[in-house]
Amino acid sequence: MQNIYFDNAATTAIDHEVISLISESMAQTFGNPSSTHQFGRSAKAMVENSRKLIAKNLNCSASEIIFTAGGSEADNLILQNAVSNLKVKRIISSKIEHHAVLHTMEALKKDFSITIDYVDLDDHGDINYEHLDALLKESTEKTLVSLMLVNNEIGNILDLQKVIDICQHHNALFHSDTVQGLTHLELDLQKTPIDFIAASAHKFHGPKGVGFAVFKKGFGILPILHGGEQERGARAGTENTHSIYGMAHALDIANTNYEKDKKHISELKNYFKEQLQNNFKDIRFNGTSGDLNKSAFHILNVRFPHDLPMLLFNLDLKGIAASGGSACQSGSNQGSHVLNNILSETEAFKTSVRFSFSKYNTKKEVDITIAALKAIIS
């Protein structure tokens, strides 16, 4: 039985070159980056050179990058600093953000009595930009807008420039969770000056447990982890040197091969979409995921015409991995909060599956998956 992995929005396989680089670095560079002897200096150089490589890929300053244990910590660090350090009194977001944002906002509301407002969404899950503008007009309180670049479940792409323009017009801060968007969209932080972004290595063929936050120059950072003075006092704890090194190179490899990978994955997604439409009646695609021009090229969220409660289980038995929502939702019996917010109760009850692709997937795997779906559903 061939194993097929179509859950790349949850996590990706580590790039083969990145595995080799990490392995070599673990054998050769093992010092503590905070140590002043030669072993520590070598490790410190690895961390700082990685920071510079990431900054080069994003076209920002290396001093703006803070390493974290992943995207969720980066979101927490940014949101908590916005409120406790930058004195934000109000956050505007959407109800289909990642829980790293939604749950953190709720905790901040409880602890700091901030106001939270949610921007309206259309039936496809796209932001109503006129409503965002109207919300910002309502109050002169210091406000942060937090909207994700690419929705991790339905692949919708935020119009970054439009949000930046609206925020600048109203003197609001702007944070974007770019975890699902980085390397699936080109991002230049000089051309699209976002105040804060969060990223996670395992979404672009890097190692798990490492990510980063970008804080625009001029913003001080208060740590949410206390202990040492690592990351210029922004995050205590010995740096995950080898994973940071692997993350930087994974990002560089992904950006170097962006056009080639985009072409391959886009063709794969389009082929999968066509095969689904040719073989199944009344198929629908959630959000804008069925539109290659309006969604990330690696996500296709499919809604079948009725409830198929054992579909994912049966696919797994055939060696095919996909998802019914985000991986962070596993174990939840409430379904996808994203789909529940954009679909009617009747449509949300039907079985939806997120298939997400990477450079390692093939058309043959699509054919095998379509055949498996036909066998299971029949």
Protein backbone atom coordinates (compact mmCIF):
# COMPACT_ATOMS: atom_id res chain seq x y z
CA MET A 1 0.00 0.00 0.00
CA GLN A 2 1.35 3.40 -1.00
CA ASN A 3 1.28 6.09 1.68
CA ILE A 4 0.01 9.43 0.38
CA TYR A 5 0.33 12.64 2.38
CA PHE A 6 -2.19 15.33 1.44
CA ASP A 7 -2.15 17.21 4.76
CA ASN A 8 0.62 19.71 4.12
CA ALA A 9 -1.35 22.60 5.61
CA ALA A 10 -1.03 20.80 8.96
CA THR A 11 2.71 20.23 8.60
CA THR A 12 5.23 19.42 5.90
CA ALA A 13 7.98 16.86 5.50
CA ILE A 14 11.38 18.35 6.25
CA ASP A 15 13.29 19.16 3.08
CA HIS A 16 15.98 16.53 2.44
CA GLU A 17 18.70 19.19 2.15
CA VAL A 18 17.54 20.76 5.42
CA ILE A 19 17.79 17.40 7.21
CA SER A 20 21.40 17.07 6.04
CA LEU A 21 22.25 20.63 7.10
CA ILE A 22 20.72 20.17 10.56
CA SER A 23 22.49 16.83 11.05
CA GLU A 24 25.85 18.32 10.11
CA SER A 25 25.32 21.33 12.35
CA MET A 26 24.38 19.13 15.33
CA ALA A 27 27.61 17.18 14.96
CA GLN A 28 29.85 20.21 14.50
CA THR A 29 28.28 23.07 16.48
CA PHE A 30 27.03 22.16 19.93
CA GLY A 31 27.99 25.11 22.12
CA ASN A 32 25.58 27.33 24.02
CA PRO A 33 25.12 30.57 22.06
CA SER A 34 25.33 32.53 25.32
CA SER A 35 28.79 31.16 26.16
CA THR A 36 31.75 33.43 25.42
CA HIS A 37 34.27 30.71 24.49
CA GLN A 38 34.84 29.56 20.90
CA PHE A 39 32.17 26.85 21.05
CA GLY A 40 29.57 29.37 22.18
CA ARG A 41 30.72 31.94 19.64
CA SER A 42 30.32 29.40 16.82
CA ALA A 43 26.76 28.64 17.95
CA LYS A 44 25.99 32.36 18.31
CA ALA A 45 27.28 32.98 14.78
CA MET A 46 24.98 30.22 13.48
CA VAL A 47 21.96 31.83 15.14
CA GLU A 48 22.79 35.35 13.93
CA ASN A 49 23.63 34.26 10.38
CA SER A 50 20.29 32.44 10.30
CA ARG A 51 18.56 35.62 11.44
CA LYS A 52 20.26 37.54 8.63
CA LEU A 53 19.25 34.92 6.04
CA ILE A 54 15.59 35.10 7.12
CA ALA A 55 15.74 38.91 7.05
CA LYS A 56 17.18 38.80 3.53
CA ASN A 57 14.30 36.59 2.37
CA LEU A 58 11.68 38.89 3.91
CA ASN A 59 13.47 42.14 3.04
CA CYS A 60 13.49 43.37 6.62
CA SER A 61 16.12 44.08 9.26
CA ALA A 62 17.66 41.15 11.16
CA SER A 63 17.09 43.11 14.39
CA GLU A 64 13.32 42.90 13.81
CA ILE A 65 13.29 39.07 14.05
CA ILE A 66 12.68 37.24 17.34
CA PHE A 67 13.01 33.47 17.38
CA THR A 68 10.25 31.48 19.08
CA ALA A 69 9.13 27.86 19.53
CA GLY A 70 6.64 28.25 16.67
CA GLY A 71 3.80 30.30 15.23
CA SER A 72 1.54 30.06 18.27
CA GLU A 73 4.19 31.49 20.57
CA ALA A 74 4.94 34.21 18.02
CA ASP A 75 1.25 35.20 17.91
CA ASN A 76 1.12 35.22 21.71
CA LEU A 77 4.27 37.33 22.00
CA ILE A 78 2.94 39.88 19.51
CA LEU A 79 -0.60 40.17 20.88
CA GLN A 80 0.48 40.31 24.50
CA ASN A 81 3.06 42.99 23.73
CA ALA A 82 0.51 45.00 21.78
CA VAL A 83 -1.70 45.16 24.87
CA SER A 84 0.71 45.16 27.83
CA ASN A 85 3.57 47.09 26.23
CA LEU A 86 2.10 49.23 23.43
CA LYS A 87 -1.11 49.93 25.38
CA VAL A 88 -3.55 48.71 22.72
CA LYS A 89 -7.10 48.96 24.09
CA ARG A 90 -8.96 47.33 21.20
CA ILE A 91 -8.32 44.46 18.80
CA ILE A 92 -10.20 43.97 15.53
CA SER A 93 -10.00 40.49 14.08
CA SER A 94 -12.17 37.83 12.41
CA LYS A 95 -13.94 34.78 13.79
CA ILE A 96 -12.02 32.44 11.43
CA GLU A 97 -8.52 33.22 12.67
CA HIS A 98 -6.26 30.50 14.05
CA HIS A 99 -6.93 29.67 17.70
CA ALA A 100 -3.46 30.98 18.57
CA VAL A 101 -4.99 34.40 17.88
CA LEU A 102 -8.60 33.83 18.97
CA HIS A 103 -7.80 32.24 22.33
CA THR A 104 -5.03 34.73 23.08
CA MET A 105 -7.41 37.64 22.43
CA GLU A 106 -9.96 36.15 24.81
CA ALA A 107 -7.30 35.75 27.51
CA LEU A 108 -6.21 39.37 27.02
CA LYS A 109 -9.82 40.54 27.23
CA LYS A 110 -10.16 38.74 30.57
CA ASP A 111 -6.86 40.03 31.96
CA PHE A 112 -6.81 43.59 30.57
CA SER A 113 -10.48 44.33 29.78
CA ILE A 114 -9.69 45.18 26.15
CA THR A 115 -12.43 45.48 23.54
CA ILE A 116 -12.62 42.86 20.78
CA ASP A 117 -14.53 43.48 17.56
CA TYR A 118 -14.96 41.07 14.66
CA VAL A 119 -15.04 42.17 11.05
CA ASP A 120 -17.84 40.82 8.87
CA LEU A 121 -17.17 38.00 6.42
CA ASP A 122 -18.90 37.17 3.15
CA ASP A 123 -20.27 33.71 2.31
CA HIS A 124 -16.83 32.62 1.08
CA GLY A 125 -15.04 33.74 4.23
CA ASP A 126 -13.46 36.84 2.71
CA ILE A 127 -13.02 39.97 4.81
CA ASN A 128 -15.50 42.82 4.34
CA TYR A 129 -12.97 45.64 3.97
CA GLU A 130 -15.64 48.35 4.11
CA HIS A 131 -16.74 47.00 7.49
CA LEU A 132 -13.11 46.99 8.68
CA ASP A 133 -12.86 50.64 7.71
CA ALA A 134 -16.15 51.39 9.48
CA LEU A 135 -15.01 49.61 12.66
CA LEU A 136 -11.82 51.67 12.76
CA LYS A 137 -13.85 54.88 12.34
CA GLU A 138 -15.96 54.04 15.39
CA SER A 139 -13.30 54.63 18.02
CA THR A 140 -10.15 56.64 18.66
CA GLU A 141 -8.83 54.04 21.12
CA LYS A 142 -5.43 52.59 20.27
CA THR A 143 -6.29 49.62 18.04
CA LEU A 144 -4.56 46.56 16.64
CA VAL A 145 -5.97 44.78 13.58
CA SER A 146 -5.10 41.06 13.52
CA LEU A 147 -5.93 39.20 10.30
CA MET A 148 -4.21 36.13 8.88
CA LEU A 149 -2.52 36.22 5.48
CA VAL A 150 -3.85 32.82 4.35
CA ASN A 151 -6.61 30.95 6.14
CA ASN A 152 -5.22 27.57 7.14
CA GLU A 153 -8.48 25.70 6.46
CA ILE A 154 -9.99 27.29 3.34
CA GLY A 155 -6.97 28.94 1.76
CA ASN A 156 -8.48 32.44 1.41
CA ILE A 157 -5.88 35.15 0.78
CA LEU A 158 -6.04 38.48 2.59
CA ASP A 159 -5.59 41.64 0.53
CA LEU A 160 -2.55 42.80 2.49
CA GLN A 161 -2.13 46.14 0.79
CA LYS A 162 -5.78 47.05 1.29
CA VAL A 163 -5.59 46.28 5.01
CA ILE A 164 -2.30 48.17 5.34
CA ASP A 165 -3.83 51.22 3.66
CA ILE A 166 -6.91 51.12 5.90
CA CYS A 167 -4.82 50.69 9.06
CA GLN A 168 -2.44 53.49 8.15
CA HIS A 169 -5.36 55.81 7.37
CA HIS A 170 -6.73 55.23 10.88
CA ASN A 171 -3.35 55.04 12.63
CA ALA A 172 -3.99 51.44 13.70
CA LEU A 173 -1.36 48.74 14.20
CA PHE A 174 -1.51 45.66 11.98
CA HIS A 175 -0.56 42.08 12.87
CA SER A 176 -0.83 39.21 10.40
CA ASP A 177 -0.42 35.53 11.21
CA THR A 178 1.55 34.53 8.10
CA VAL A 179 2.12 30.94 9.23
CA GLN A 180 0.12 29.44 6.34
CA GLY A 181 1.05 32.10 3.81
CA LEU A 182 4.82 32.31 4.04
CA THR A 183 6.44 30.67 0.97
CA HIS A 184 2.97 30.14 -0.55
CA LEU A 185 2.81 33.85 -1.34
CA GLU A 186 5.66 36.23 -2.04
CA LEU A 187 6.15 38.52 0.94
CA ASP A 188 8.34 41.63 0.91
CA LEU A 189 8.12 43.59 4.17
CA GLN A 190 9.43 46.76 2.52
CA LYS A 191 6.69 46.71 -0.14
CA THR A 192 4.00 45.58 2.31
CA PRO A 193 5.03 47.08 5.66
CA ILE A 194 3.18 45.02 8.25
CA ASP A 195 3.86 45.93 11.89
CA PHE A 196 3.99 42.33 13.16
CA ILE A 197 4.04 38.88 11.58
CA ALA A 198 4.23 35.33 12.95
CA ALA A 199 5.80 32.35 11.16
CA SER A 200 6.47 28.67 11.78
CA ALA A 201 9.18 26.56 10.12
CA HIS A 202 7.25 23.31 9.84
CA LYS A 203 4.83 24.85 7.34
CA PHE A 204 7.61 25.32 4.75
CA HIS A 205 9.57 22.06 5.03
CA GLY A 206 11.54 23.10 8.09
CA PRO A 207 11.73 21.48 11.54
CA LYS A 208 8.92 21.56 14.10
CA GLY A 209 9.09 23.52 17.33
CA VAL A 210 10.71 26.64 15.90
CA GLY A 211 9.38 29.85 14.38
CA PHE A 212 9.76 33.59 14.61
CA ALA A 213 7.99 36.88 15.14
CA VAL A 214 8.78 40.09 13.30
CA PHE A 215 8.39 43.34 15.25
CA LYS A 216 8.76 46.49 13.18
CA LYS A 217 11.65 48.70 14.32
CA GLY A 218 10.82 51.06 17.13
CA PHE A 219 8.60 48.71 19.12
CA GLY A 220 10.03 47.56 22.43
CA ILE A 221 9.39 43.95 23.39
CA LEU A 222 8.50 42.63 26.82
CA PRO A 223 9.16 38.88 27.28
CA ILE A 224 6.39 36.41 28.07
CA LEU A 225 9.02 33.84 29.10
CA HIS A 226 11.33 34.95 31.92
CA GLY A 227 14.80 33.73 32.80
CA GLY A 228 17.82 34.65 30.71
CA GLU A 229 18.42 37.59 28.41
CA GLN A 230 18.39 35.68 25.11
CA GLU A 231 16.91 37.29 21.97
CA ARG A 232 17.99 40.71 23.25
CA GLY A 233 15.86 40.19 26.33
CA ALA A 234 12.70 39.37 24.36
CA ARG A 235 12.65 35.62 25.03
CA ALA A 236 14.38 33.67 27.79
CA GLY A 237 15.81 30.22 27.10
CA THR A 238 18.76 28.74 25.24
CA GLU A 239 18.20 29.16 21.51
CA ASN A 240 17.19 26.09 19.51
CA THR A 241 20.32 26.58 17.43
CA HIS A 242 20.08 23.72 14.97
CA SER A 243 16.37 24.16 14.30
CA ILE A 244 16.86 27.89 13.77
CA TYR A 245 19.60 27.07 11.28
CA GLY A 246 17.34 24.55 9.53
CA MET A 247 14.43 26.99 9.46
CA ALA A 248 16.48 29.72 7.82
CA HIS A 249 17.67 27.39 5.09
CA ALA A 250 14.20 25.89 4.58
CA LEU A 251 12.85 29.41 4.01
CA ASP A 252 15.70 30.24 1.64
CA ILE A 253 15.22 27.03 -0.35
CA ALA A 254 11.45 27.59 -0.58
CA ASN A 255 11.86 31.16 -1.78
CA THR A 256 14.59 30.23 -4.26
CA ASN A 257 12.34 27.55 -5.78
CA TYR A 258 9.11 29.52 -5.39
CA GLU A 259 8.10 29.79 -9.06
CA LYS A 260 8.92 26.15 -9.85
CA ASP A 261 7.11 24.83 -6.77
CA LYS A 262 4.13 27.12 -7.31
CA LYS A 263 3.72 25.87 -10.89
CA HIS A 264 3.92 22.21 -9.85
CA ILE A 265 1.57 22.50 -6.86
CA SER A 266 -0.93 24.73 -8.69
CA GLU A 267 -1.18 22.23 -11.54
CA LEU A 268 -1.65 19.43 -9.01
CA LYS A 269 -4.41 21.31 -7.17
CA ASN A 270 -6.20 22.13 -10.43
CA TYR A 271 -5.93 18.53 -11.58
CA PHE A 272 -7.35 17.27 -8.28
CA LYS A 273 -10.21 19.77 -8.52
CA GLU A 274 -11.05 18.66 -12.09
CA GLN A 275 -10.97 14.98 -11.13
CA LEU A 276 -13.30 15.58 -8.19
CA GLN A 277 -15.75 17.47 -10.38
CA ASN A 278 -15.61 14.77 -13.07
CA ASN A 279 -16.21 11.90 -10.66
CA PHE A 280 -18.58 13.24 -8.00
CA LYS A 281 -21.89 15.04 -8.33
CA ASP A 282 -22.67 18.24 -6.43
CA ILE A 283 -19.12 18.74 -5.13
CA ARG A 284 -18.53 22.15 -3.60
CA PHE A 285 -15.35 23.92 -2.53
CA ASN A 286 -15.31 25.79 0.76
CA GLY A 287 -14.15 29.37 0.95
CA THR A 288 -12.33 30.46 -2.18
CA SER A 289 -10.21 27.29 -2.25
CA GLY A 290 -11.69 26.23 -5.60
CA ASP A 291 -10.50 29.45 -7.25
CA LEU A 292 -6.79 29.37 -8.07
CA ASN A 293 -6.71 33.15 -8.39
CA LYS A 294 -8.24 33.85 -4.99
CA SER A 295 -6.79 31.13 -2.77
CA ALA A 296 -3.42 29.73 -1.76
CA PHE A 297 -2.19 27.27 -4.35
CA HIS A 298 -1.68 24.41 -1.87
CA ILE A 299 -5.13 24.17 -0.20
CA LEU A 300 -8.34 22.62 -1.57
CA ASN A 301 -11.22 22.30 0.90
CA VAL A 302 -13.90 19.98 -0.54
CA ARG A 303 -17.52 19.69 0.64
CA PHE A 304 -19.33 16.51 -0.28
CA PRO A 305 -23.13 16.60 -0.78
CA HIS A 306 -23.90 14.63 2.38
CA ASP A 307 -22.44 13.48 5.68
CA LEU A 308 -19.73 10.81 5.40
CA PRO A 309 -18.66 10.33 9.04
CA MET A 310 -16.05 7.63 8.34
CA LEU A 311 -14.48 9.17 5.25
CA LEU A 312 -11.21 10.35 6.80
CA PHE A 313 -10.86 7.10 8.74
CA ASN A 314 -11.37 5.02 5.60
CA LEU A 315 -8.92 7.16 3.63
CA ASP A 316 -6.39 6.60 6.39
CA LEU A 317 -6.93 2.84 6.15
CA LYS A 318 -5.95 3.15 2.48
CA GLY A 319 -2.79 5.06 3.41
CA ILE A 320 -4.10 8.52 2.46
CA ALA A 321 -3.75 11.41 4.90
CA ALA A 322 -6.05 14.43 4.71
CA SER A 323 -7.83 16.61 7.25
CA GLY A 324 -11.33 17.58 8.28
CA GLY A 325 -10.07 20.92 9.55
CA SER A 326 -6.87 22.26 11.03
CA ALA A 327 -4.60 19.81 12.83
CA CYS A 328 -4.98 21.95 15.96
CA GLN A 329 -8.67 20.95 15.97
CA SER A 330 -7.93 17.24 16.38
CA GLY A 331 -9.85 15.79 19.29
CA SER A 332 -12.55 18.45 19.05
CA ASN A 333 -16.14 17.32 18.55
CA GLN A 334 -17.33 20.81 17.62
CA GLY A 335 -16.23 20.70 14.00
CA SER A 336 -14.34 23.43 12.21
CA HIS A 337 -14.90 26.91 13.67
CA VAL A 338 -13.99 28.29 10.24
CA LEU A 339 -16.68 26.34 8.36
CA ASN A 340 -19.23 26.87 11.13
CA ASN A 341 -18.80 30.63 10.65
CA ILE A 342 -19.22 30.73 6.86
CA LEU A 343 -21.64 27.88 6.10
CA SER A 344 -25.27 27.34 7.01
CA GLU A 345 -25.95 24.71 9.66
CA THR A 346 -27.13 22.28 6.95
CA GLU A 347 -24.01 22.77 4.80
CA ALA A 348 -21.64 22.68 7.78
CA PHE A 349 -23.09 19.28 8.74
CA LYS A 350 -21.98 17.80 5.41
CA THR A 351 -18.53 16.23 5.26
CA SER A 352 -15.74 18.60 4.29
CA VAL A 353 -12.16 17.48 3.71
CA ARG A 354 -9.09 19.66 3.36
CA PHE A 355 -6.56 18.28 0.90
CA SER A 356 -3.29 20.23 0.95
CA PHE A 357 -0.31 19.68 -1.32
CA SER A 358 3.46 20.10 -1.44
CA LYS A 359 6.32 19.86 -3.89
CA TYR A 360 6.64 16.17 -3.03
CA ASN A 361 3.15 15.20 -4.25
CA THR A 362 2.39 13.77 -7.70
CA LYS A 363 -0.50 13.34 -10.14
CA LYS A 364 -0.29 9.59 -9.61
CA GLU A 365 -1.13 10.19 -5.94
CA VAL A 366 -4.14 12.23 -7.01
CA ASP A 367 -5.35 9.38 -9.24
CA ILE A 368 -4.97 6.88 -6.41
CA THR A 369 -6.87 9.18 -4.03
CA ILE A 370 -9.73 9.73 -6.47
CA ALA A 371 -10.02 5.95 -6.95
CA ALA A 372 -10.03 5.46 -3.17
CA LEU A 373 -12.74 8.11 -2.72
CA LYS A 374 -14.89 6.46 -5.37
CA ALA A 375 -14.54 3.06 -3.69
CA ILE A 376 -15.31 4.43 -0.22
CA ILE A 377 -18.27 6.61 -1.21
CA SER A 378 -19.86 3.99 -3.45
